[in-house]
Amino acid sequence: MSELVLLQAARLKGRLDAEAAAACAGMDPAAAQAGLDALVDAGDAKAVGGGVRITPQGRERLDALLAEERATVDQPALTGLYEEFDAFNGELKAIVTDWQMVDEQTPNAHTDRAYDQAVISRLADLHGRFAPLMARIAAAAPRLAPYPERFAAAIGKVREGDHAFVARPIADSYHTVWFELHEELIGLLGLSRAAEAAAGRAV
């Protein structure tokens, strides 16, 4: 399981270090680093800038592991959960858009505290309503068990005043974690991102 988790995290992150790997895999950083070292030794990842990147060989290995995992998941049950997720997905997209843009022409400079707080309140409300569904998704696909804690950590940072954790791409922000969960669900259901984007379900 850890091999699959780390390879998938490396694919999703682009460059994966031990700290990010630990959060994604729900393990301590030392164990995550050992796992990353094993991927490098096997040729499934290469060391770059304090982290690793997945190699073409690693992508082939990941595809095989994901196919094996997909066969163990209750597809009808997960499809139903994905349909529930899709309703929240549209709401999250609107929140992130409003966080980034005041209107269609005006980027949000984050100088209006009341405006930003209203968007954050909407995100916090979404999180409270989404958390039970996330728990059910993790029960249906056990590899996704770290996601509830990752979402909780992100919203916790936002509530503490670190607003980078709303949507900053290079952090484990709420939007980043959401995007990665969406990718996971697409893969587990054998769907494609291109088709989901065409259907308006991309984040």
Protein backbone atom coordinates (compact mmCIF):
# COMPACT_ATOMS: atom_id res chain seq x y z
CA MET A 1 0.00 0.00 0.00
CA SER A 2 2.76 2.50 0.87
CA GLU A 3 4.41 1.95 -2.52
CA LEU A 4 1.15 2.84 -4.27
CA VAL A 5 0.50 5.82 -2.00
CA LEU A 6 3.98 7.27 -2.52
CA LEU A 7 4.02 6.72 -6.27
CA GLN A 8 0.62 8.35 -6.61
CA ALA A 9 1.69 11.26 -4.41
CA ALA A 10 4.80 11.72 -6.54
CA ARG A 11 2.65 11.80 -9.67
CA LEU A 12 0.20 14.29 -8.20
CA LYS A 13 2.78 16.58 -6.60
CA GLY A 14 5.33 16.56 -9.41
CA ARG A 15 8.15 16.74 -6.85
CA LEU A 16 7.64 14.95 -3.56
CA ASP A 17 9.68 15.41 -0.38
CA ALA A 18 9.45 13.44 2.86
CA GLU A 19 7.23 15.98 4.64
CA ALA A 20 4.64 16.05 1.85
CA ALA A 21 4.89 12.28 1.45
CA ALA A 22 4.22 11.81 5.16
CA ALA A 23 1.05 13.91 4.94
CA CYS A 24 -0.16 12.10 1.83
CA ALA A 25 0.57 8.64 3.20
CA GLY A 26 -0.39 9.19 6.83
CA MET A 27 3.03 8.08 8.09
CA ASP A 28 5.91 9.70 9.94
CA PRO A 29 8.54 11.56 7.87
CA ALA A 30 11.28 9.01 8.58
CA ALA A 31 9.16 6.17 7.22
CA ALA A 32 8.16 8.32 4.27
CA GLN A 33 11.79 9.09 3.50
CA ALA A 34 12.64 5.38 3.63
CA GLY A 35 9.81 4.73 1.20
CA LEU A 36 11.02 7.43 -1.17
CA ASP A 37 14.56 6.03 -1.01
CA ALA A 38 13.18 2.60 -1.91
CA LEU A 39 11.41 4.06 -4.95
CA VAL A 40 14.67 5.66 -6.09
CA ASP A 41 16.59 2.42 -5.55
CA ALA A 42 13.99 0.56 -7.63
CA GLY A 43 14.20 3.10 -10.46
CA ASP A 44 10.59 4.17 -9.99
CA ALA A 45 11.63 7.68 -8.91
CA LYS A 46 14.68 9.89 -9.23
CA ALA A 47 16.11 12.25 -6.64
CA VAL A 48 15.69 15.96 -7.47
CA GLY A 49 16.13 19.05 -5.30
CA GLY A 50 15.56 17.49 -1.90
CA GLY A 51 12.69 15.31 -3.13
CA VAL A 52 11.87 12.81 -5.84
CA ARG A 53 10.08 12.75 -9.18
CA ILE A 54 8.35 9.72 -10.62
CA THR A 55 10.11 8.12 -13.60
CA PRO A 56 8.51 6.56 -16.70
CA GLN A 57 9.17 3.17 -15.11
CA GLY A 58 7.46 4.40 -11.96
CA ARG A 59 4.43 5.52 -13.94
CA GLU A 60 4.11 2.06 -15.45
CA ARG A 61 4.36 0.52 -12.00
CA LEU A 62 1.79 2.98 -10.66
CA ASP A 63 -0.64 2.20 -13.48
CA ALA A 64 -0.38 -1.50 -12.67
CA LEU A 65 -0.93 -0.94 -8.94
CA LEU A 66 -3.90 1.35 -9.57
CA ALA A 67 -5.48 -1.24 -11.86
CA GLU A 68 -5.11 -3.86 -9.13
CA GLU A 69 -6.63 -1.50 -6.56
CA ARG A 70 -9.50 -0.54 -8.85
CA ALA A 71 -10.54 -4.18 -9.05
CA THR A 72 -10.93 -4.34 -5.26
CA VAL A 73 -13.16 -1.27 -4.92
CA ASP A 74 -16.96 -1.50 -4.94
CA GLN A 75 -17.47 0.49 -8.12
CA PRO A 76 -21.26 1.07 -7.84
CA ALA A 77 -20.85 2.30 -4.25
CA LEU A 78 -17.96 4.59 -5.17
CA THR A 79 -19.89 5.90 -8.18
CA GLY A 80 -22.69 6.96 -5.85
CA LEU A 81 -20.21 8.67 -3.55
CA TYR A 82 -18.64 10.44 -6.51
CA GLU A 83 -22.03 11.78 -7.53
CA GLU A 84 -22.41 13.23 -4.02
CA PHE A 85 -18.88 14.64 -4.25
CA ASP A 86 -19.75 16.33 -7.55
CA ALA A 87 -22.37 18.52 -5.85
CA PHE A 88 -19.75 19.76 -3.39
CA ASN A 89 -17.23 20.12 -6.22
CA GLY A 90 -19.28 22.79 -7.93
CA GLU A 91 -19.58 24.68 -4.66
CA LEU A 92 -15.83 24.46 -3.99
CA LYS A 93 -15.07 25.75 -7.50
CA ALA A 94 -17.26 28.79 -6.87
CA ILE A 95 -15.59 29.48 -3.53
CA VAL A 96 -12.09 29.29 -5.01
CA THR A 97 -13.11 31.50 -7.94
CA ASP A 98 -14.48 34.09 -5.52
CA TRP A 99 -11.30 33.84 -3.45
CA GLN A 100 -9.18 34.57 -6.50
CA MET A 101 -11.44 37.09 -8.28
CA VAL A 102 -13.75 39.81 -6.93
CA ASP A 103 -15.58 39.77 -10.27
CA GLU A 104 -14.85 38.53 -13.78
CA GLN A 105 -12.35 41.32 -14.45
CA THR A 106 -10.91 42.06 -11.01
CA PRO A 107 -8.38 39.84 -9.23
CA ASN A 108 -8.82 39.69 -5.47
CA ALA A 109 -5.99 41.74 -3.94
CA HIS A 110 -7.10 40.53 -0.47
CA THR A 111 -7.37 44.09 0.83
CA ASP A 112 -11.05 43.78 1.73
CA ARG A 113 -11.07 41.80 4.96
CA ALA A 114 -14.86 41.50 5.10
CA TYR A 115 -14.97 40.07 1.56
CA ASP A 116 -12.23 37.54 2.31
CA GLN A 117 -13.82 36.52 5.60
CA ALA A 118 -17.14 35.90 3.87
CA VAL A 119 -15.43 33.54 1.40
CA ILE A 120 -13.57 31.79 4.23
CA SER A 121 -16.84 31.34 6.11
CA ARG A 122 -18.31 29.64 3.06
CA LEU A 123 -15.29 27.33 2.85
CA ALA A 124 -15.56 26.45 6.54
CA ASP A 125 -19.26 25.72 6.12
CA LEU A 126 -18.56 23.51 3.11
CA HIS A 127 -15.90 21.65 5.08
CA GLY A 128 -18.32 20.90 7.90
CA ARG A 129 -20.89 19.51 5.51
CA PHE A 130 -18.36 17.64 3.36
CA ALA A 131 -16.46 15.91 6.17
CA PRO A 132 -19.04 13.11 6.69
CA LEU A 133 -18.98 12.30 2.97
CA MET A 134 -15.19 12.29 3.01
CA ALA A 135 -15.27 9.75 5.83
CA ARG A 136 -17.56 7.51 3.76
CA ILE A 137 -15.28 7.85 0.72
CA ALA A 138 -12.28 6.84 2.84
CA ALA A 139 -14.19 3.82 4.13
CA ALA A 140 -14.98 2.75 0.57
CA ALA A 141 -11.40 3.30 -0.65
CA PRO A 142 -9.06 2.73 2.34
CA ARG A 143 -6.00 4.22 0.63
CA LEU A 144 -7.73 7.59 0.85
CA ALA A 145 -7.81 7.44 4.67
CA PRO A 146 -5.29 10.31 5.09
CA TYR A 147 -7.55 12.76 3.27
CA PRO A 148 -9.85 13.67 6.20
CA GLU A 149 -6.83 14.75 8.24
CA ARG A 150 -5.33 16.65 5.30
CA PHE A 151 -8.57 18.61 4.82
CA ALA A 152 -8.81 19.23 8.56
CA ALA A 153 -5.23 20.48 8.66
CA ALA A 154 -5.82 22.86 5.75
CA ILE A 155 -9.02 24.37 7.15
CA GLY A 156 -7.33 24.61 10.55
CA LYS A 157 -4.53 26.70 9.03
CA VAL A 158 -7.09 28.94 7.33
CA ARG A 159 -8.99 29.46 10.59
CA GLU A 160 -5.70 30.36 12.30
CA GLY A 161 -5.23 33.14 9.74
CA ASP A 162 -2.89 31.49 7.21
CA HIS A 163 -4.98 32.22 4.14
CA ALA A 164 -2.42 30.64 1.80
CA PHE A 165 -4.10 27.38 2.80
CA VAL A 166 -7.27 28.31 0.95
CA ALA A 167 -5.88 27.75 -2.53
CA ARG A 168 -2.09 28.09 -2.73
CA PRO A 169 -0.91 25.55 -5.35
CA ILE A 170 2.46 24.63 -3.83
CA ALA A 171 1.05 24.13 -0.32
CA ASP A 172 -1.24 21.39 1.00
CA SER A 173 -4.03 23.97 0.76
CA TYR A 174 -7.71 23.05 0.82
CA HIS A 175 -7.91 23.46 -2.94
CA THR A 176 -4.75 21.40 -3.52
CA VAL A 177 -6.04 18.54 -1.37
CA TRP A 178 -9.43 18.77 -3.11
CA PHE A 179 -7.80 18.61 -6.54
CA GLU A 180 -5.79 15.55 -5.53
CA LEU A 181 -8.85 13.81 -4.08
CA HIS A 182 -10.72 14.51 -7.31
CA GLU A 183 -7.86 12.95 -9.28
CA GLU A 184 -7.97 9.91 -7.00
CA LEU A 185 -11.70 9.43 -7.50
CA ILE A 186 -11.40 9.81 -11.26
CA GLY A 187 -8.69 7.16 -11.31
CA LEU A 188 -10.46 4.75 -8.98
CA LEU A 189 -13.55 4.88 -11.18
CA GLY A 190 -11.59 4.42 -14.41
CA LEU A 191 -12.63 7.83 -15.72
CA SER A 192 -10.48 10.41 -17.49
CA ARG A 193 -9.79 13.99 -16.45
CA ALA A 194 -10.40 15.18 -20.04
CA ALA A 195 -13.89 13.68 -20.02
CA GLU A 196 -14.65 15.05 -16.56
CA ALA A 197 -13.45 18.50 -17.59
CA ALA A 198 -15.63 18.38 -20.68
CA ALA A 199 -18.56 17.54 -18.43
CA GLY A 200 -17.75 20.57 -16.26
CA ARG A 201 -16.54 18.57 -13.29
CA ALA A 202 -12.88 19.65 -13.24
CA VAL A 203 -11.65 21.70 -10.28
